[in-house]
Amino acid sequence: MFVAQSAALLPAAHIAFARDPLRRENLGVQLYTVRNIIEKDPAKVLHAIQEIGYSEVEATYENLHQIWPALKETSLHAVSVHVGGPESAAKFEPTLADVKKLGFEYVVVPWAETAKGGEEGVKKIAATLNKMGEQARAQGLTLCYHNHAHDFTPMGGSNALEILLGQTDPANVQLEMDIFWVTIAGLDPVKLLQKHSGRVPLVHLKDKWKSFTKTQFSEDVPVNTFSAVGDGSIDIPAVLSAAAACGVRHYFVEQDHTPGDPIAALRESYDNLKTQFK
């Protein structure tokens, strides 16, 4: 297991990580939030995000080239991009070369079927992610795995995500922590950040309405479970404090579903978060 490997295997940036609190300069948007409107008018949507005050974006590879010309006309920094899952490993090299050329720093695997196949299934996924992480490093990129609620399915006295992280080399596989799905699974994102301090460079800031109190290991939640960041039940200041202390570098607001205009929802999240800037 890689969990016992020495810190000497970690990239230098992850050994002596600096405290990097939330600032305007490292606050971005996961563009999945605006997926239903961005392809109709990428320039309008991206300029609106910039005008709110966000400085960075996390893209999705599926529509990256469609929005890229408009993105380059803004000052938004394209930091990371969600790519395919482990099933796309055979075609990963061309994707890496593409996103490296565009200037991204991180590639993120957004999903894997960790809840199926038991421990052996997770170990197979981990082996694939290790290989993908090696390929990313060869291109000067960092691979992250993005968690969902199903990744915390109890397994072997632990859970699927812990097994996955234990079976992957931290030099190859980092974690993008989605705090919403952590809480859906009944866990505390502050404690999880502390447990994996130095291995979580990216965080999804996503809040949960107070009315949803169920613990579950699936993503089957009502669409109104998602709230603007700062309006829900997650202790956002505590998360931000832990994130800064544990080496998080970039913070992305994401709201999977919004009750109306996603731009308005992003503005509300930004207005709440700017009171936390350091």
C-alpha atoms as a PDB file:
ATOM      1  CA  MET A   1       0.000   0.000   0.000  1.00  0.00           C
ATOM      2  CA  PHE A   2       1.184   3.474  -0.831  1.00  0.00           C
ATOM      3  CA  VAL A   3      -0.134   5.025   2.365  1.00  0.00           C
ATOM      4  CA  ALA A   4       3.031   4.077   4.223  1.00  0.00           C
ATOM      5  CA  GLN A   5       5.422   5.504   1.680  1.00  0.00           C
ATOM      6  CA  SER A   6       7.739   8.265   2.763  1.00  0.00           C
ATOM      7  CA  ALA A   7       7.141  11.931   2.060  1.00  0.00           C
ATOM      8  CA  ALA A   8      10.178  11.790  -0.177  1.00  0.00           C
ATOM      9  CA  LEU A   9       7.919  10.423  -2.924  1.00  0.00           C
ATOM     10  CA  LEU A  10       5.693  13.479  -2.877  1.00  0.00           C
ATOM     11  CA  PRO A  11       6.264  16.408  -5.214  1.00  0.00           C
ATOM     12  CA  ALA A  12       8.080  19.226  -3.454  1.00  0.00           C
ATOM     13  CA  ALA A  13       4.998  21.427  -3.606  1.00  0.00           C
ATOM     14  CA  HIS A  14       3.104  18.899  -1.521  1.00  0.00           C
ATOM     15  CA  ILE A  15       5.826  18.351   1.072  1.00  0.00           C
ATOM     16  CA  ALA A  16       6.180  21.924   2.243  1.00  0.00           C
ATOM     17  CA  PHE A  17       2.791  23.253   1.215  1.00  0.00           C
ATOM     18  CA  ALA A  18       2.172  26.847   2.123  1.00  0.00           C
ATOM     19  CA  ARG A  19      -0.881  28.149   3.873  1.00  0.00           C
ATOM     20  CA  ASP A  20      -3.081  29.347   1.028  1.00  0.00           C
ATOM     21  CA  PRO A  21      -6.305  30.844   2.377  1.00  0.00           C
ATOM     22  CA  LEU A  22      -9.278  31.792   0.260  1.00  0.00           C
ATOM     23  CA  ARG A  23      -8.654  34.952  -1.744  1.00  0.00           C
ATOM     24  CA  ARG A  24     -10.284  36.498  -4.760  1.00  0.00           C
ATOM     25  CA  GLU A  25      -7.329  35.288  -6.806  1.00  0.00           C
ATOM     26  CA  ASN A  26      -7.844  31.587  -6.040  1.00  0.00           C
ATOM     27  CA  LEU A  27     -11.642  31.465  -6.033  1.00  0.00           C
ATOM     28  CA  GLY A  28     -13.180  29.977  -9.133  1.00  0.00           C
ATOM     29  CA  VAL A  29     -16.245  28.318 -10.613  1.00  0.00           C
ATOM     30  CA  GLN A  30     -16.716  24.721 -11.706  1.00  0.00           C
ATOM     31  CA  LEU A  31     -18.383  25.327 -15.060  1.00  0.00           C
ATOM     32  CA  TYR A  32     -20.700  22.354 -14.582  1.00  0.00           C
ATOM     33  CA  THR A  33     -22.801  24.887 -12.638  1.00  0.00           C
ATOM     34  CA  VAL A  34     -23.596  26.721 -15.889  1.00  0.00           C
ATOM     35  CA  ARG A  35     -23.731  23.673 -18.167  1.00  0.00           C
ATOM     36  CA  ASN A  36     -27.287  24.402 -19.320  1.00  0.00           C
ATOM     37  CA  ILE A  37     -26.515  27.912 -20.550  1.00  0.00           C
ATOM     38  CA  ILE A  38     -22.825  28.156 -21.409  1.00  0.00           C
ATOM     39  CA  GLU A  39     -22.954  26.445 -24.799  1.00  0.00           C
ATOM     40  CA  LYS A  40     -25.643  28.853 -26.044  1.00  0.00           C
ATOM     41  CA  ASP A  41     -23.454  31.908 -25.427  1.00  0.00           C
ATOM     42  CA  PRO A  42     -20.055  31.095 -23.904  1.00  0.00           C
ATOM     43  CA  ALA A  43     -18.802  34.681 -24.032  1.00  0.00           C
ATOM     44  CA  LYS A  44     -21.824  36.079 -22.205  1.00  0.00           C
ATOM     45  CA  VAL A  45     -21.683  33.441 -19.464  1.00  0.00           C
ATOM     46  CA  LEU A  46     -17.937  33.625 -18.913  1.00  0.00           C
ATOM     47  CA  HIS A  47     -17.878  37.411 -18.834  1.00  0.00           C
ATOM     48  CA  ALA A  48     -20.727  37.319 -16.311  1.00  0.00           C
ATOM     49  CA  ILE A  49     -18.684  34.990 -14.101  1.00  0.00           C
ATOM     50  CA  GLN A  50     -15.706  37.317 -14.360  1.00  0.00           C
ATOM     51  CA  GLU A  51     -17.816  40.380 -13.592  1.00  0.00           C
ATOM     52  CA  ILE A  52     -19.117  38.769 -10.397  1.00  0.00           C
ATOM     53  CA  GLY A  53     -15.515  38.666  -9.196  1.00  0.00           C
ATOM     54  CA  TYR A  54     -14.358  35.096  -9.753  1.00  0.00           C
ATOM     55  CA  SER A  55     -10.774  34.706 -10.952  1.00  0.00           C
ATOM     56  CA  GLU A  56     -10.539  31.044 -11.948  1.00  0.00           C
ATOM     57  CA  VAL A  57     -12.502  28.272 -13.613  1.00  0.00           C
ATOM     58  CA  GLU A  58     -12.539  24.517 -13.646  1.00  0.00           C
ATOM     59  CA  ALA A  59     -13.697  23.268 -17.030  1.00  0.00           C
ATOM     60  CA  THR A  60     -15.101  20.001 -18.319  1.00  0.00           C
ATOM     61  CA  TYR A  61     -13.279  18.420 -21.236  1.00  0.00           C
ATOM     62  CA  GLU A  62     -16.505  17.494 -22.994  1.00  0.00           C
ATOM     63  CA  ASN A  63     -17.196  21.068 -24.135  1.00  0.00           C
ATOM     64  CA  LEU A  64     -13.771  22.603 -23.538  1.00  0.00           C
ATOM     65  CA  HIS A  65     -12.965  23.446 -27.136  1.00  0.00           C
ATOM     66  CA  GLN A  66     -16.405  24.888 -27.722  1.00  0.00           C
ATOM     67  CA  ILE A  67     -15.964  27.457 -24.933  1.00  0.00           C
ATOM     68  CA  TRP A  68     -12.192  27.946 -25.179  1.00  0.00           C
ATOM     69  CA  PRO A  69     -12.135  30.927 -27.612  1.00  0.00           C
ATOM     70  CA  ALA A  70     -14.556  32.831 -25.369  1.00  0.00           C
ATOM     71  CA  LEU A  71     -12.628  31.857 -22.234  1.00  0.00           C
ATOM     72  CA  LYS A  72      -9.429  33.291 -23.703  1.00  0.00           C
ATOM     73  CA  GLU A  73     -11.196  36.620 -24.161  1.00  0.00           C
ATOM     74  CA  THR A  74     -11.601  36.894 -20.375  1.00  0.00           C
ATOM     75  CA  SER A  75      -9.066  37.177 -17.571  1.00  0.00           C
ATOM     76  CA  LEU A  76     -10.319  33.958 -15.987  1.00  0.00           C
ATOM     77  CA  HIS A  77      -7.524  31.492 -15.246  1.00  0.00           C
ATOM     78  CA  ALA A  78      -8.234  27.949 -16.425  1.00  0.00           C
ATOM     79  CA  VAL A  79      -6.715  25.918 -13.592  1.00  0.00           C
ATOM     80  CA  SER A  80      -8.168  22.428 -13.856  1.00  0.00           C
ATOM     81  CA  VAL A  81     -10.329  20.327 -16.110  1.00  0.00           C
ATOM     82  CA  HIS A  82     -12.549  17.305 -15.503  1.00  0.00           C
ATOM     83  CA  VAL A  83     -11.686  14.545 -17.942  1.00  0.00           C
ATOM     84  CA  GLY A  84     -12.926  10.996 -18.377  1.00  0.00           C
ATOM     85  CA  GLY A  85     -12.969   8.286 -15.745  1.00  0.00           C
ATOM     86  CA  PRO A  86     -10.785   5.165 -15.488  1.00  0.00           C
ATOM     87  CA  GLU A  87     -12.622   3.693 -18.481  1.00  0.00           C
ATOM     88  CA  SER A  88     -10.946   6.342 -20.665  1.00  0.00           C
ATOM     89  CA  ALA A  89      -7.405   5.436 -19.560  1.00  0.00           C
ATOM     90  CA  ALA A  90      -6.482   3.986 -22.949  1.00  0.00           C
ATOM     91  CA  LYS A  91      -7.100   7.369 -24.588  1.00  0.00           C
ATOM     92  CA  PHE A  92      -5.645   9.472 -21.793  1.00  0.00           C
ATOM     93  CA  GLU A  93      -2.322  10.465 -23.373  1.00  0.00           C
ATOM     94  CA  PRO A  94      -3.829  12.630 -26.174  1.00  0.00           C
ATOM     95  CA  THR A  95      -6.125  14.337 -23.658  1.00  0.00           C
ATOM     96  CA  LEU A  96      -3.156  15.167 -21.438  1.00  0.00           C
ATOM     97  CA  ALA A  97      -1.179  16.594 -24.326  1.00  0.00           C
ATOM     98  CA  ASP A  98      -4.166  18.718 -25.290  1.00  0.00           C
ATOM     99  CA  VAL A  99      -4.841  20.216 -21.866  1.00  0.00           C
ATOM    100  CA  LYS A 100      -1.124  20.743 -21.223  1.00  0.00           C
ATOM    101  CA  LYS A 101      -0.923  22.763 -24.426  1.00  0.00           C
ATOM    102  CA  LEU A 102      -3.831  24.900 -23.201  1.00  0.00           C
ATOM    103  CA  GLY A 103      -2.053  25.681 -19.940  1.00  0.00           C
ATOM    104  CA  PHE A 104      -3.996  23.671 -17.368  1.00  0.00           C
ATOM    105  CA  GLU A 105      -2.293  22.583 -14.144  1.00  0.00           C
ATOM    106  CA  TYR A 106      -4.652  19.846 -12.974  1.00  0.00           C
ATOM    107  CA  VAL A 107      -6.632  17.060 -14.606  1.00  0.00           C
ATOM    108  CA  VAL A 108      -9.449  15.590 -12.543  1.00  0.00           C
ATOM    109  CA  VAL A 109     -11.087  12.186 -12.778  1.00  0.00           C
ATOM    110  CA  PRO A 110     -14.639  13.087 -11.753  1.00  0.00           C
ATOM    111  CA  TRP A 111     -16.104   9.656 -11.078  1.00  0.00           C
ATOM    112  CA  ALA A 112     -15.320   5.976 -10.670  1.00  0.00           C
ATOM    113  CA  GLU A 113     -17.516   3.028  -9.712  1.00  0.00           C
ATOM    114  CA  THR A 114     -15.802   2.535  -6.365  1.00  0.00           C
ATOM    115  CA  ALA A 115     -18.938   1.252  -4.643  1.00  0.00           C
ATOM    116  CA  LYS A 116     -19.091  -1.825  -6.891  1.00  0.00           C
ATOM    117  CA  GLY A 117     -16.758  -4.785  -6.899  1.00  0.00           C
ATOM    118  CA  GLY A 118     -15.684  -4.579  -3.270  1.00  0.00           C
ATOM    119  CA  GLU A 119     -12.099  -4.005  -2.162  1.00  0.00           C
ATOM    120  CA  GLU A 120     -10.637  -5.817  -5.154  1.00  0.00           C
ATOM    121  CA  GLY A 121     -12.651  -3.605  -7.478  1.00  0.00           C
ATOM    122  CA  VAL A 122     -11.329  -0.475  -5.759  1.00  0.00           C
ATOM    123  CA  LYS A 123      -7.771  -1.794  -5.985  1.00  0.00           C
ATOM    124  CA  LYS A 124      -8.170  -2.253  -9.739  1.00  0.00           C
ATOM    125  CA  ILE A 125      -9.429   1.321 -10.073  1.00  0.00           C
ATOM    126  CA  ALA A 126      -6.503   2.506  -7.954  1.00  0.00           C
ATOM    127  CA  ALA A 127      -4.026   0.748 -10.242  1.00  0.00           C
ATOM    128  CA  THR A 128      -5.549   2.485 -13.248  1.00  0.00           C
ATOM    129  CA  LEU A 129      -5.475   5.873 -11.525  1.00  0.00           C
ATOM    130  CA  ASN A 130      -1.838   5.336 -10.556  1.00  0.00           C
ATOM    131  CA  LYS A 131      -0.975   4.781 -14.208  1.00  0.00           C
ATOM    132  CA  MET A 132      -2.991   7.815 -15.283  1.00  0.00           C
ATOM    133  CA  GLY A 133      -1.252   9.867 -12.597  1.00  0.00           C
ATOM    134  CA  GLU A 134       2.156   8.783 -13.855  1.00  0.00           C
ATOM    135  CA  GLN A 135       1.179   9.869 -17.349  1.00  0.00           C
ATOM    136  CA  ALA A 136      -0.048  13.214 -16.018  1.00  0.00           C
ATOM    137  CA  ARG A 137       3.181  13.814 -14.127  1.00  0.00           C
ATOM    138  CA  ALA A 138       5.167  13.094 -17.268  1.00  0.00           C
ATOM    139  CA  GLN A 139       3.313  16.040 -18.842  1.00  0.00           C
ATOM    140  CA  GLY A 140       3.915  18.268 -15.802  1.00  0.00           C
ATOM    141  CA  LEU A 141       0.279  17.941 -14.698  1.00  0.00           C
ATOM    142  CA  THR A 142      -1.281  16.809 -11.423  1.00  0.00           C
ATOM    143  CA  LEU A 143      -4.044  14.213 -11.418  1.00  0.00           C
ATOM    144  CA  CYS A 144      -6.802  14.483  -8.824  1.00  0.00           C
ATOM    145  CA  TYR A 145      -9.733  12.228  -8.034  1.00  0.00           C
ATOM    146  CA  HIS A 146     -13.041  13.958  -7.267  1.00  0.00           C
ATOM    147  CA  ASN A 147     -15.173  12.288  -4.614  1.00  0.00           C
ATOM    148  CA  HIS A 148     -18.906  11.669  -4.561  1.00  0.00           C
ATOM    149  CA  ALA A 149     -21.050  10.219  -1.784  1.00  0.00           C
ATOM    150  CA  HIS A 150     -20.765   6.655  -3.096  1.00  0.00           C
ATOM    151  CA  ASP A 151     -16.997   6.804  -2.593  1.00  0.00           C
ATOM    152  CA  PHE A 152     -17.605   6.589   1.162  1.00  0.00           C
ATOM    153  CA  THR A 153     -19.451   3.276   0.963  1.00  0.00           C
ATOM    154  CA  PRO A 154     -18.310   1.197   3.970  1.00  0.00           C
ATOM    155  CA  MET A 155     -15.865  -1.457   2.906  1.00  0.00           C
ATOM    156  CA  GLY A 156     -13.398  -3.694   4.718  1.00  0.00           C
ATOM    157  CA  GLY A 157     -13.621  -1.813   8.000  1.00  0.00           C
ATOM    158  CA  SER A 158     -13.002   1.463   6.168  1.00  0.00           C
ATOM    159  CA  ASN A 159     -14.595   2.971   3.065  1.00  0.00           C
ATOM    160  CA  ALA A 160     -13.980   2.920  -0.656  1.00  0.00           C
ATOM    161  CA  LEU A 161     -12.240   6.291  -0.817  1.00  0.00           C
ATOM    162  CA  GLU A 162      -9.824   5.481   1.979  1.00  0.00           C
ATOM    163  CA  ILE A 163      -8.919   2.229   0.250  1.00  0.00           C
ATOM    164  CA  LEU A 164      -8.464   4.081  -3.035  1.00  0.00           C
ATOM    165  CA  LEU A 165      -6.193   6.680  -1.456  1.00  0.00           C
ATOM    166  CA  GLY A 166      -4.281   4.020   0.421  1.00  0.00           C
ATOM    167  CA  GLN A 167      -3.682   2.080  -2.791  1.00  0.00           C
ATOM    168  CA  THR A 168      -2.500   5.068  -4.823  1.00  0.00           C
ATOM    169  CA  ASP A 169       0.802   6.890  -4.713  1.00  0.00           C
ATOM    170  CA  PRO A 170       0.262  10.470  -3.450  1.00  0.00           C
ATOM    171  CA  ALA A 171       2.795  11.580  -6.036  1.00  0.00           C
ATOM    172  CA  ASN A 172       0.426  10.301  -8.733  1.00  0.00           C
ATOM    173  CA  VAL A 173      -3.068  10.783  -7.306  1.00  0.00           C
ATOM    174  CA  GLN A 174      -4.273  13.758  -5.299  1.00  0.00           C
ATOM    175  CA  LEU A 175      -7.821  14.458  -4.098  1.00  0.00           C
ATOM    176  CA  GLU A 176     -10.269  17.119  -5.165  1.00  0.00           C
ATOM    177  CA  MET A 177     -12.597  17.193  -2.174  1.00  0.00           C
ATOM    178  CA  ASP A 178     -16.261  17.925  -2.788  1.00  0.00           C
ATOM    179  CA  ILE A 179     -17.456  18.970   0.654  1.00  0.00           C
ATOM    180  CA  PHE A 180     -21.148  18.548  -0.208  1.00  0.00           C
ATOM    181  CA  TRP A 181     -20.832  14.853  -1.011  1.00  0.00           C
ATOM    182  CA  VAL A 182     -18.652  14.345   2.065  1.00  0.00           C
ATOM    183  CA  THR A 183     -21.501  15.614   4.244  1.00  0.00           C
ATOM    184  CA  ILE A 184     -24.149  13.626   2.346  1.00  0.00           C
ATOM    185  CA  ALA A 185     -22.177  10.536   3.397  1.00  0.00           C
ATOM    186  CA  GLY A 186     -22.329  11.725   7.000  1.00  0.00           C
ATOM    187  CA  LEU A 187     -18.681  12.739   7.316  1.00  0.00           C
ATOM    188  CA  ASP A 188     -17.039  15.983   8.407  1.00  0.00           C
ATOM    189  CA  PRO A 189     -15.081  17.719   5.624  1.00  0.00           C
ATOM    190  CA  VAL A 190     -12.894  19.495   8.207  1.00  0.00           C
ATOM    191  CA  LYS A 191     -11.744  16.195   9.684  1.00  0.00           C
ATOM    192  CA  LEU A 192     -11.272  14.691   6.232  1.00  0.00           C
ATOM    193  CA  LEU A 193      -9.141  17.638   5.130  1.00  0.00           C
ATOM    194  CA  GLN A 194      -7.023  17.257   8.225  1.00  0.00           C
ATOM    195  CA  LYS A 195      -6.665  13.506   7.721  1.00  0.00           C
ATOM    196  CA  HIS A 196      -5.404  14.005   4.175  1.00  0.00           C
ATOM    197  CA  SER A 197      -3.517  17.236   4.768  1.00  0.00           C
ATOM    198  CA  GLY A 198      -1.166  17.964   1.888  1.00  0.00           C
ATOM    199  CA  ARG A 199      -3.051  15.729  -0.525  1.00  0.00           C
ATOM    200  CA  VAL A 200      -6.030  17.992  -1.314  1.00  0.00           C
ATOM    201  CA  PRO A 201      -4.974  20.852  -3.607  1.00  0.00           C
ATOM    202  CA  LEU A 202      -8.500  21.476  -4.931  1.00  0.00           C
ATOM    203  CA  VAL A 203     -11.818  21.871  -3.118  1.00  0.00           C
ATOM    204  CA  HIS A 204     -15.385  22.115  -4.378  1.00  0.00           C
ATOM    205  CA  LEU A 205     -17.253  24.619  -2.237  1.00  0.00           C
ATOM    206  CA  LYS A 206     -20.823  23.406  -2.339  1.00  0.00           C
ATOM    207  CA  ASP A 207     -23.477  23.829   0.338  1.00  0.00           C
ATOM    208  CA  LYS A 208     -26.441  21.764   1.490  1.00  0.00           C
ATOM    209  CA  TRP A 209     -29.848  22.978   2.638  1.00  0.00           C
ATOM    210  CA  LYS A 210     -30.484  22.506   6.343  1.00  0.00           C
ATOM    211  CA  SER A 211     -33.633  20.500   5.632  1.00  0.00           C
ATOM    212  CA  PHE A 212     -31.635  17.569   4.237  1.00  0.00           C
ATOM    213  CA  THR A 213     -30.295  15.515   7.156  1.00  0.00           C
ATOM    214  CA  LYS A 214     -30.234  12.007   5.708  1.00  0.00           C
ATOM    215  CA  THR A 215     -26.953  10.101   5.503  1.00  0.00           C
ATOM    216  CA  GLN A 216     -26.508   8.073   2.333  1.00  0.00           C
ATOM    217  CA  PHE A 217     -23.854   6.660   0.035  1.00  0.00           C
ATOM    218  CA  SER A 218     -25.462   7.658  -3.238  1.00  0.00           C
ATOM    219  CA  GLU A 219     -26.023  10.830  -5.242  1.00  0.00           C
ATOM    220  CA  ASP A 220     -29.798  10.406  -5.396  1.00  0.00           C
ATOM    221  CA  VAL A 221     -30.783  13.620  -3.629  1.00  0.00           C
ATOM    222  CA  PRO A 222     -33.590  16.100  -4.409  1.00  0.00           C
ATOM    223  CA  VAL A 223     -32.495  18.939  -6.668  1.00  0.00           C
ATOM    224  CA  ASN A 224     -33.348  21.465  -3.946  1.00  0.00           C
ATOM    225  CA  THR A 225     -30.701  19.897  -1.675  1.00  0.00           C
ATOM    226  CA  PHE A 226     -28.106  22.181  -3.274  1.00  0.00           C
ATOM    227  CA  SER A 227     -27.820  25.738  -1.981  1.00  0.00           C
ATOM    228  CA  ALA A 228     -25.664  28.766  -2.595  1.00  0.00           C
ATOM    229  CA  VAL A 229     -22.449  28.522  -0.603  1.00  0.00           C
ATOM    230  CA  GLY A 230     -22.978  30.098   2.794  1.00  0.00           C
ATOM    231  CA  ASP A 231     -26.760  29.678   2.796  1.00  0.00           C
ATOM    232  CA  GLY A 232     -26.821  26.036   3.837  1.00  0.00           C
ATOM    233  CA  SER A 233     -25.877  23.784   6.726  1.00  0.00           C
ATOM    234  CA  ILE A 234     -22.149  23.262   6.114  1.00  0.00           C
ATOM    235  CA  ASP A 235     -19.811  25.277   8.339  1.00  0.00           C
ATOM    236  CA  ILE A 236     -18.059  27.062   5.486  1.00  0.00           C
ATOM    237  CA  PRO A 237     -15.716  29.205   7.655  1.00  0.00           C
ATOM    238  CA  ALA A 238     -14.498  26.052   9.412  1.00  0.00           C
ATOM    239  CA  VAL A 239     -13.935  24.334   6.070  1.00  0.00           C
ATOM    240  CA  LEU A 240     -12.014  27.316   4.720  1.00  0.00           C
ATOM    241  CA  SER A 241      -9.829  27.484   7.812  1.00  0.00           C
ATOM    242  CA  ALA A 242      -8.987  23.792   7.590  1.00  0.00           C
ATOM    243  CA  ALA A 243      -8.450  23.988   3.833  1.00  0.00           C
ATOM    244  CA  ALA A 244      -5.953  26.816   4.181  1.00  0.00           C
ATOM    245  CA  ALA A 245      -4.056  24.970   6.907  1.00  0.00           C
ATOM    246  CA  CYS A 246      -4.030  21.686   4.989  1.00  0.00           C
ATOM    247  CA  GLY A 247      -2.605  22.882   1.686  1.00  0.00           C
ATOM    248  CA  VAL A 248      -5.622  23.590  -0.528  1.00  0.00           C
ATOM    249  CA  ARG A 249      -4.590  25.888  -3.372  1.00  0.00           C
ATOM    250  CA  HIS A 250      -7.751  26.463  -5.404  1.00  0.00           C
ATOM    251  CA  TYR A 251     -11.397  26.765  -4.394  1.00  0.00           C
ATOM    252  CA  PHE A 252     -14.230  26.178  -6.883  1.00  0.00           C
ATOM    253  CA  VAL A 253     -17.856  27.037  -6.261  1.00  0.00           C
ATOM    254  CA  GLU A 254     -20.185  24.443  -7.701  1.00  0.00           C
ATOM    255  CA  GLN A 255     -23.959  24.187  -7.460  1.00  0.00           C
ATOM    256  CA  ASP A 256     -25.242  21.163  -9.337  1.00  0.00           C
ATOM    257  CA  HIS A 257     -28.789  22.512  -9.479  1.00  0.00           C
ATOM    258  CA  THR A 258     -30.061  26.046  -8.979  1.00  0.00           C
ATOM    259  CA  PRO A 259     -33.657  27.168  -8.466  1.00  0.00           C
ATOM    260  CA  GLY A 260     -33.331  29.774 -11.210  1.00  0.00           C
ATOM    261  CA  ASP A 261     -30.518  31.557 -13.030  1.00  0.00           C
ATOM    262  CA  PRO A 262     -27.204  29.833 -12.221  1.00  0.00           C
ATOM    263  CA  ILE A 263     -25.401  33.152 -12.628  1.00  0.00           C
ATOM    264  CA  ALA A 264     -27.547  34.614  -9.851  1.00  0.00           C
ATOM    265  CA  ALA A 265     -26.709  31.608  -7.675  1.00  0.00           C
ATOM    266  CA  LEU A 266     -22.997  32.068  -8.358  1.00  0.00           C
ATOM    267  CA  ARG A 267     -23.300  35.736  -7.426  1.00  0.00           C
ATOM    268  CA  GLU A 268     -24.953  34.835  -4.127  1.00  0.00           C
ATOM    269  CA  SER A 269     -22.194  32.344  -3.320  1.00  0.00           C
ATOM    270  CA  TYR A 270     -19.527  34.896  -4.184  1.00  0.00           C
ATOM    271  CA  ASP A 271     -21.123  37.594  -2.036  1.00  0.00           C
ATOM    272  CA  ASN A 272     -21.178  35.191   0.897  1.00  0.00           C
ATOM    273  CA  LEU A 273     -17.623  34.008   0.351  1.00  0.00           C
ATOM    274  CA  LYS A 274     -15.986  37.384  -0.142  1.00  0.00           C
ATOM    275  CA  THR A 275     -16.537  38.099   3.548  1.00  0.00           C
ATOM    276  CA  GLN A 276     -14.083  35.229   4.169  1.00  0.00           C
ATOM    277  CA  PHE A 277     -11.247  36.553   1.968  1.00  0.00           C
ATOM    278  CA  LYS A 278      -7.888  36.798   3.673  1.00  0.00           C
END
